[in-house]
Structures are given as structure tokens and as C-alpha cells.
Amino acid sequence: MIYRIAADFFLVFHFLFIVFVLFGGLFTLRFRWAPAIHIPAASWGAFVEITGRLCPLTTIEVWLRRTAGDSGYSESFIEHYLYPIIYPDGLTRDLQLVFAAMVILLNVAIYGWVFHRRRESRRP
């Protein structure tokens, strides 16, 4: 029972990490230290998509589910849980590259907007 609960915890944590990778730059509006955490996280998210690797959170969750007696899965977290909801036909390598580009472009846009806003607020 404890392994299933732990696996579910990692599933939720993984989902929140993905949301943070996409939109964590917005924390920069409130916290000046946020880029120190967000930029490495966003870089990791883009790296995983570009290289087609499995995220360590996926590996941990699979191990926990198998230890709990579930069969687990061999594909990535995104492919197993999120992709069927968004794109039911399956994750292709080209789509992973599109996701990586979305992570990069979205975050460049967010940081550009945040820094522009800060610069404008400092003007007399």
C-alpha cells in the first residue's frame, strides 16, 4: 500500500514539475531567486525531450508501482499519462522536439516579458 501511495506522490510531483518547467518563469515576478531554480528545471525538461530520455521521476514511479505489484510501464511519464489526453495517437520523436521547442520558446517569452516589465517599472 505504501508503495502505491509513494508512486502516486511521484506522479503528482512529476506533473507539477512539468507545469513548473512550462510556467515557472512567472515566479520571477514575485521572487527574484526563482530563475536560479527554474532555469535549470526548464533546461532539464527541454533536454529530456530533445534527447528522448526517460526522466528519473518516471524511473522512480515505475519502480514504486512494480514494487507495489502493478505492472508499471516502459514509456515516459508524458507518453503514458498526459499524451493520450492531449494527442491520443502516440508520441513521435518529431513531437518531442516540438515540445522541447515549446518549453524553450514559452520560457524565453515569459522571461522577456518579466525583464521588460521590471525595466519599465524602474524608469522614472
N, C-alpha and C. Protein backbone atom coordinates (compact mmCIF):
# COMPACT_ATOMS: atom_id res chain seq x y z
N MET A 1 0.83 -1.20 0.00
CA MET A 1 0.00 0.00 0.00
C MET A 1 0.87 1.26 0.00
N ILE A 2 1.93 1.25 0.80
CA ILE A 2 2.77 2.44 0.91
C ILE A 2 3.47 2.74 -0.43
N TYR A 3 3.80 1.68 -1.20
CA TYR A 3 4.46 1.89 -2.48
C TYR A 3 3.51 2.54 -3.50
N ARG A 4 2.26 2.16 -3.48
CA ARG A 4 1.29 2.80 -4.38
C ARG A 4 1.08 4.26 -4.01
N ILE A 5 1.02 4.55 -2.74
CA ILE A 5 0.87 5.95 -2.30
C ILE A 5 2.10 6.75 -2.72
N ALA A 6 3.28 6.17 -2.53
CA ALA A 6 4.51 6.85 -2.93
C ALA A 6 4.55 7.05 -4.45
N ALA A 7 4.11 6.05 -5.22
CA ALA A 7 4.08 6.17 -6.68
C ALA A 7 3.12 7.28 -7.09
N ASP A 8 1.97 7.36 -6.45
CA ASP A 8 1.03 8.44 -6.75
C ASP A 8 1.61 9.80 -6.39
N PHE A 9 2.34 9.85 -5.28
CA PHE A 9 3.01 11.10 -4.90
C PHE A 9 3.97 11.53 -6.01
N PHE A 10 4.79 10.59 -6.50
CA PHE A 10 5.73 10.93 -7.56
C PHE A 10 5.02 11.31 -8.85
N LEU A 11 3.88 10.69 -9.12
CA LEU A 11 3.10 11.06 -10.30
C LEU A 11 2.64 12.50 -10.20
N VAL A 12 2.09 12.88 -9.06
CA VAL A 12 1.64 14.26 -8.87
C VAL A 12 2.82 15.23 -8.90
N PHE A 13 3.91 14.85 -8.24
CA PHE A 13 5.11 15.69 -8.23
C PHE A 13 5.64 15.87 -9.65
N HIS A 14 5.64 14.81 -10.44
CA HIS A 14 6.12 14.87 -11.82
C HIS A 14 5.25 15.81 -12.65
N PHE A 15 3.94 15.70 -12.48
CA PHE A 15 3.03 16.60 -13.20
C PHE A 15 3.29 18.06 -12.81
N LEU A 16 3.45 18.32 -11.52
CA LEU A 16 3.72 19.68 -11.06
C LEU A 16 5.07 20.17 -11.56
N PHE A 17 6.04 19.28 -11.65
CA PHE A 17 7.34 19.65 -12.20
C PHE A 17 7.20 20.08 -13.66
N ILE A 18 6.41 19.36 -14.43
CA ILE A 18 6.19 19.73 -15.84
C ILE A 18 5.53 21.09 -15.93
N VAL A 19 4.54 21.34 -15.10
CA VAL A 19 3.88 22.66 -15.08
C VAL A 19 4.89 23.74 -14.71
N PHE A 20 5.75 23.45 -13.73
CA PHE A 20 6.79 24.40 -13.33
C PHE A 20 7.78 24.64 -14.46
N VAL A 21 8.16 23.60 -15.20
CA VAL A 21 9.06 23.75 -16.34
C VAL A 21 8.44 24.71 -17.35
N LEU A 22 7.15 24.58 -17.59
CA LEU A 22 6.49 25.42 -18.59
C LEU A 22 6.25 26.85 -18.10
N PHE A 23 5.79 27.01 -16.88
CA PHE A 23 5.33 28.32 -16.42
C PHE A 23 6.06 28.87 -15.21
N GLY A 24 7.10 28.20 -14.76
CA GLY A 24 7.81 28.63 -13.55
C GLY A 24 8.48 29.99 -13.67
N GLY A 25 8.74 30.43 -14.90
CA GLY A 25 9.32 31.76 -15.08
C GLY A 25 8.44 32.86 -14.52
N LEU A 26 7.15 32.59 -14.40
CA LEU A 26 6.24 33.60 -13.84
C LEU A 26 6.52 33.86 -12.36
N PHE A 27 7.14 32.91 -11.68
CA PHE A 27 7.52 33.14 -10.28
C PHE A 27 8.54 34.27 -10.16
N THR A 28 9.22 34.57 -11.25
CA THR A 28 10.20 35.64 -11.26
C THR A 28 9.55 37.00 -10.99
N LEU A 29 8.27 37.12 -11.29
CA LEU A 29 7.55 38.36 -11.00
C LEU A 29 7.52 38.64 -9.50
N ARG A 30 7.48 37.60 -8.71
CA ARG A 30 7.34 37.75 -7.26
C ARG A 30 8.65 37.48 -6.51
N PHE A 31 9.44 36.55 -7.02
CA PHE A 31 10.65 36.12 -6.32
C PHE A 31 11.86 36.27 -7.22
N ARG A 32 12.80 37.09 -6.83
CA ARG A 32 14.00 37.32 -7.65
C ARG A 32 14.89 36.10 -7.74
N TRP A 33 14.80 35.17 -6.80
CA TRP A 33 15.62 33.97 -6.81
C TRP A 33 15.04 32.87 -7.69
N ALA A 34 13.83 33.04 -8.17
CA ALA A 34 13.15 31.99 -8.93
C ALA A 34 13.93 31.51 -10.15
N PRO A 35 14.59 32.38 -10.91
CA PRO A 35 15.34 31.86 -12.08
C PRO A 35 16.44 30.87 -11.71
N ALA A 36 17.00 31.01 -10.51
CA ALA A 36 18.06 30.09 -10.08
C ALA A 36 17.54 28.65 -9.97
N ILE A 37 16.25 28.49 -9.74
CA ILE A 37 15.64 27.16 -9.67
C ILE A 37 14.97 26.81 -10.99
N HIS A 38 14.30 27.79 -11.57
CA HIS A 38 13.51 27.50 -12.77
C HIS A 38 14.35 27.25 -14.02
N ILE A 39 15.38 28.03 -14.25
CA ILE A 39 16.17 27.86 -15.48
C ILE A 39 16.79 26.46 -15.56
N PRO A 40 17.39 25.94 -14.48
CA PRO A 40 17.87 24.55 -14.57
C PRO A 40 16.74 23.53 -14.79
N ALA A 41 15.59 23.76 -14.15
CA ALA A 41 14.46 22.83 -14.33
C ALA A 41 13.97 22.87 -15.78
N ALA A 42 13.82 24.06 -16.34
CA ALA A 42 13.37 24.18 -17.73
C ALA A 42 14.41 23.61 -18.69
N SER A 43 15.67 23.80 -18.38
CA SER A 43 16.74 23.23 -19.22
C SER A 43 16.68 21.71 -19.19
N TRP A 44 16.45 21.15 -18.01
CA TRP A 44 16.33 19.70 -17.88
C TRP A 44 15.13 19.20 -18.69
N GLY A 45 13.98 19.88 -18.56
CA GLY A 45 12.79 19.47 -19.30
C GLY A 45 13.02 19.47 -20.80
N ALA A 46 13.67 20.52 -21.30
CA ALA A 46 13.97 20.59 -22.73
C ALA A 46 14.97 19.50 -23.11
N PHE A 47 15.97 19.26 -22.28
CA PHE A 47 16.98 18.24 -22.55
C PHE A 47 16.34 16.85 -22.65
N VAL A 48 15.44 16.53 -21.74
CA VAL A 48 14.79 15.22 -21.75
C VAL A 48 13.99 15.05 -23.04
N GLU A 49 13.29 16.09 -23.47
CA GLU A 49 12.51 16.00 -24.70
C GLU A 49 13.41 15.92 -25.93
N ILE A 50 14.46 16.71 -25.95
CA ILE A 50 15.35 16.73 -27.12
C ILE A 50 16.06 15.39 -27.28
N THR A 51 16.51 14.81 -26.18
CA THR A 51 17.28 13.57 -26.25
C THR A 51 16.40 12.32 -26.22
N GLY A 52 15.12 12.46 -25.89
CA GLY A 52 14.23 11.31 -25.82
C GLY A 52 14.49 10.40 -24.64
N ARG A 53 15.12 10.93 -23.61
CA ARG A 53 15.43 10.14 -22.41
C ARG A 53 14.21 10.01 -21.51
N LEU A 54 14.31 9.08 -20.57
CA LEU A 54 13.31 8.98 -19.51
C LEU A 54 13.74 9.87 -18.35
N CYS A 55 12.82 10.57 -17.80
CA CYS A 55 13.09 11.39 -16.63
C CYS A 55 13.29 10.46 -15.42
N PRO A 56 14.21 10.78 -14.53
CA PRO A 56 14.38 9.95 -13.32
C PRO A 56 13.10 9.81 -12.50
N LEU A 57 12.23 10.80 -12.53
CA LEU A 57 10.97 10.69 -11.80
C LEU A 57 10.12 9.56 -12.37
N THR A 58 10.18 9.36 -13.68
CA THR A 58 9.47 8.25 -14.31
C THR A 58 10.04 6.93 -13.81
N THR A 59 11.35 6.82 -13.77
CA THR A 59 12.01 5.59 -13.32
C THR A 59 11.62 5.27 -11.88
N ILE A 60 11.61 6.26 -11.02
CA ILE A 60 11.23 6.06 -9.62
C ILE A 60 9.78 5.61 -9.52
N GLU A 61 8.90 6.27 -10.26
CA GLU A 61 7.49 5.90 -10.20
C GLU A 61 7.26 4.48 -10.70
N VAL A 62 7.92 4.10 -11.79
CA VAL A 62 7.79 2.74 -12.31
C VAL A 62 8.25 1.73 -11.27
N TRP A 63 9.39 1.98 -10.65
CA TRP A 63 9.91 1.07 -9.63
C TRP A 63 8.91 0.94 -8.48
N LEU A 64 8.37 2.05 -8.04
CA LEU A 64 7.40 2.01 -6.93
C LEU A 64 6.15 1.23 -7.33
N ARG A 65 5.67 1.44 -8.53
CA ARG A 65 4.47 0.72 -8.97
C ARG A 65 4.73 -0.78 -9.10
N ARG A 66 5.87 -1.13 -9.64
CA ARG A 66 6.21 -2.57 -9.75
C ARG A 66 6.39 -3.20 -8.38
N THR A 67 7.02 -2.47 -7.47
CA THR A 67 7.20 -2.97 -6.11
C THR A 67 5.85 -3.15 -5.42
N ALA A 68 4.89 -2.30 -5.77
CA ALA A 68 3.55 -2.40 -5.20
C ALA A 68 2.74 -3.53 -5.84
N GLY A 69 3.29 -4.15 -6.90
CA GLY A 69 2.58 -5.25 -7.54
C GLY A 69 1.93 -4.87 -8.85
N ASP A 70 2.01 -3.61 -9.25
CA ASP A 70 1.48 -3.18 -10.54
C ASP A 70 2.49 -3.54 -11.62
N SER A 71 2.05 -3.49 -12.85
CA SER A 71 2.94 -3.85 -13.95
C SER A 71 3.87 -2.72 -14.34
N GLY A 72 3.56 -1.51 -13.98
CA GLY A 72 4.39 -0.37 -14.37
C GLY A 72 4.24 -0.09 -15.85
N TYR A 73 5.16 0.65 -16.39
CA TYR A 73 5.15 0.95 -17.82
C TYR A 73 6.57 1.29 -18.24
N SER A 74 6.82 1.18 -19.54
CA SER A 74 8.18 1.39 -20.01
C SER A 74 8.35 2.72 -20.74
N GLU A 75 7.28 3.36 -21.10
CA GLU A 75 7.41 4.64 -21.79
C GLU A 75 7.50 5.79 -20.79
N SER A 76 7.70 6.99 -21.29
CA SER A 76 7.89 8.14 -20.42
C SER A 76 6.59 8.54 -19.73
N PHE A 77 6.73 9.32 -18.69
CA PHE A 77 5.59 9.85 -17.95
C PHE A 77 4.64 10.59 -18.89
N ILE A 78 5.18 11.47 -19.71
CA ILE A 78 4.35 12.26 -20.61
C ILE A 78 3.59 11.34 -21.56
N GLU A 79 4.29 10.40 -22.12
CA GLU A 79 3.64 9.49 -23.06
C GLU A 79 2.57 8.66 -22.38
N HIS A 80 2.82 8.18 -21.20
CA HIS A 80 1.88 7.29 -20.52
C HIS A 80 0.65 8.01 -19.97
N TYR A 81 0.82 9.16 -19.36
CA TYR A 81 -0.29 9.81 -18.68
C TYR A 81 -0.86 11.02 -19.40
N LEU A 82 -0.01 11.90 -19.88
CA LEU A 82 -0.51 13.15 -20.44
C LEU A 82 -0.77 13.07 -21.94
N TYR A 83 0.11 12.43 -22.67
CA TYR A 83 -0.02 12.41 -24.12
C TYR A 83 -1.33 11.80 -24.61
N PRO A 84 -1.81 10.68 -24.05
CA PRO A 84 -3.09 10.14 -24.54
C PRO A 84 -4.26 11.12 -24.39
N ILE A 85 -4.17 12.02 -23.44
CA ILE A 85 -5.24 13.01 -23.26
C ILE A 85 -5.12 14.11 -24.32
N ILE A 86 -3.90 14.53 -24.58
CA ILE A 86 -3.68 15.65 -25.50
C ILE A 86 -3.61 15.19 -26.96
N TYR A 87 -2.82 14.16 -27.22
CA TYR A 87 -2.61 13.62 -28.57
C TYR A 87 -2.74 12.10 -28.53
N PRO A 88 -3.92 11.56 -28.70
CA PRO A 88 -4.14 10.13 -28.49
C PRO A 88 -3.40 9.17 -29.42
N ASP A 89 -2.86 9.61 -30.52
CA ASP A 89 -2.26 8.68 -31.48
C ASP A 89 -0.86 8.20 -31.13
N GLY A 90 -0.18 8.82 -30.23
CA GLY A 90 1.15 8.37 -29.85
C GLY A 90 2.19 9.46 -30.00
N LEU A 91 3.20 9.34 -29.18
CA LEU A 91 4.27 10.33 -29.15
C LEU A 91 5.33 9.97 -30.18
N THR A 92 5.62 10.90 -31.07
CA THR A 92 6.67 10.69 -32.06
C THR A 92 7.90 11.50 -31.67
N ARG A 93 9.01 11.18 -32.26
CA ARG A 93 10.25 11.91 -31.99
C ARG A 93 10.10 13.36 -32.42
N ASP A 94 9.47 13.60 -33.55
CA ASP A 94 9.27 14.97 -34.02
C ASP A 94 8.42 15.77 -33.03
N LEU A 95 7.41 15.13 -32.45
CA LEU A 95 6.56 15.81 -31.48
C LEU A 95 7.33 16.13 -30.21
N GLN A 96 8.25 15.24 -29.81
CA GLN A 96 9.09 15.54 -28.65
C GLN A 96 9.92 16.80 -28.92
N LEU A 97 10.41 16.93 -30.12
CA LEU A 97 11.18 18.13 -30.47
C LEU A 97 10.30 19.37 -30.46
N VAL A 98 9.06 19.22 -30.88
CA VAL A 98 8.11 20.33 -30.81
C VAL A 98 7.87 20.72 -29.35
N PHE A 99 7.70 19.72 -28.48
CA PHE A 99 7.51 20.01 -27.05
C PHE A 99 8.72 20.73 -26.48
N ALA A 100 9.91 20.30 -26.86
CA ALA A 100 11.12 20.98 -26.40
C ALA A 100 11.14 22.41 -26.87
N ALA A 101 10.79 22.63 -28.13
CA ALA A 101 10.73 24.00 -28.66
C ALA A 101 9.69 24.83 -27.92
N MET A 102 8.57 24.21 -27.58
CA MET A 102 7.54 24.94 -26.82
C MET A 102 8.06 25.35 -25.45
N VAL A 103 8.77 24.46 -24.77
CA VAL A 103 9.35 24.78 -23.46
C VAL A 103 10.29 25.97 -23.60
N ILE A 104 11.16 25.90 -24.58
CA ILE A 104 12.16 26.96 -24.77
C ILE A 104 11.50 28.27 -25.16
N LEU A 105 10.64 28.25 -26.15
CA LEU A 105 10.01 29.49 -26.63
C LEU A 105 9.09 30.11 -25.58
N LEU A 106 8.31 29.28 -24.91
CA LEU A 106 7.43 29.81 -23.87
C LEU A 106 8.24 30.48 -22.76
N ASN A 107 9.32 29.87 -22.35
CA ASN A 107 10.12 30.45 -21.28
C ASN A 107 10.90 31.67 -21.73
N VAL A 108 11.38 31.69 -22.95
CA VAL A 108 12.02 32.91 -23.47
C VAL A 108 11.01 34.05 -23.49
N ALA A 109 9.78 33.77 -23.90
CA ALA A 109 8.74 34.80 -23.91
C ALA A 109 8.41 35.28 -22.49
N ILE A 110 8.28 34.36 -21.56
CA ILE A 110 7.96 34.74 -20.17
C ILE A 110 9.09 35.59 -19.58
N TYR A 111 10.34 35.12 -19.72
CA TYR A 111 11.45 35.89 -19.16
C TYR A 111 11.61 37.23 -19.87
N GLY A 112 11.39 37.27 -21.16
CA GLY A 112 11.45 38.55 -21.87
C GLY A 112 10.41 39.51 -21.34
N TRP A 113 9.21 39.03 -21.13
CA TRP A 113 8.13 39.87 -20.60
C TRP A 113 8.45 40.33 -19.18
N VAL A 114 8.94 39.41 -18.34
CA VAL A 114 9.26 39.75 -16.95
C VAL A 114 10.37 40.81 -16.90
N PHE A 115 11.43 40.62 -17.66
CA PHE A 115 12.54 41.58 -17.63
C PHE A 115 12.14 42.92 -18.23
N HIS A 116 11.31 42.90 -19.26
CA HIS A 116 10.80 44.15 -19.83
C HIS A 116 9.95 44.89 -18.79
N ARG A 117 9.11 44.15 -18.10
CA ARG A 117 8.25 44.75 -17.07
C ARG A 117 9.08 45.36 -15.93
N ARG A 118 10.12 44.64 -15.52
CA ARG A 118 11.00 45.19 -14.46
C ARG A 118 11.70 46.44 -14.92
N ARG A 119 12.18 46.42 -16.14
CA ARG A 119 12.90 47.58 -16.67
C ARG A 119 11.96 48.78 -16.77
N GLU A 120 10.73 48.55 -17.20
CA GLU A 120 9.77 49.64 -17.30
C GLU A 120 9.38 50.19 -15.92
N SER A 121 9.32 49.34 -14.91
CA SER A 121 8.92 49.80 -13.57
C SER A 121 10.03 50.62 -12.92
N ARG A 122 11.26 50.50 -13.39
CA ARG A 122 12.38 51.25 -12.82
C ARG A 122 12.55 52.62 -13.45
N ARG A 123 11.91 52.83 -14.57
CA ARG A 123 12.04 54.14 -15.23
C ARG A 123 11.28 55.20 -14.47
N PRO A 124 11.88 56.41 -14.40
CA PRO A 124 11.20 57.49 -13.68
C PRO A 124 10.01 58.04 -14.41
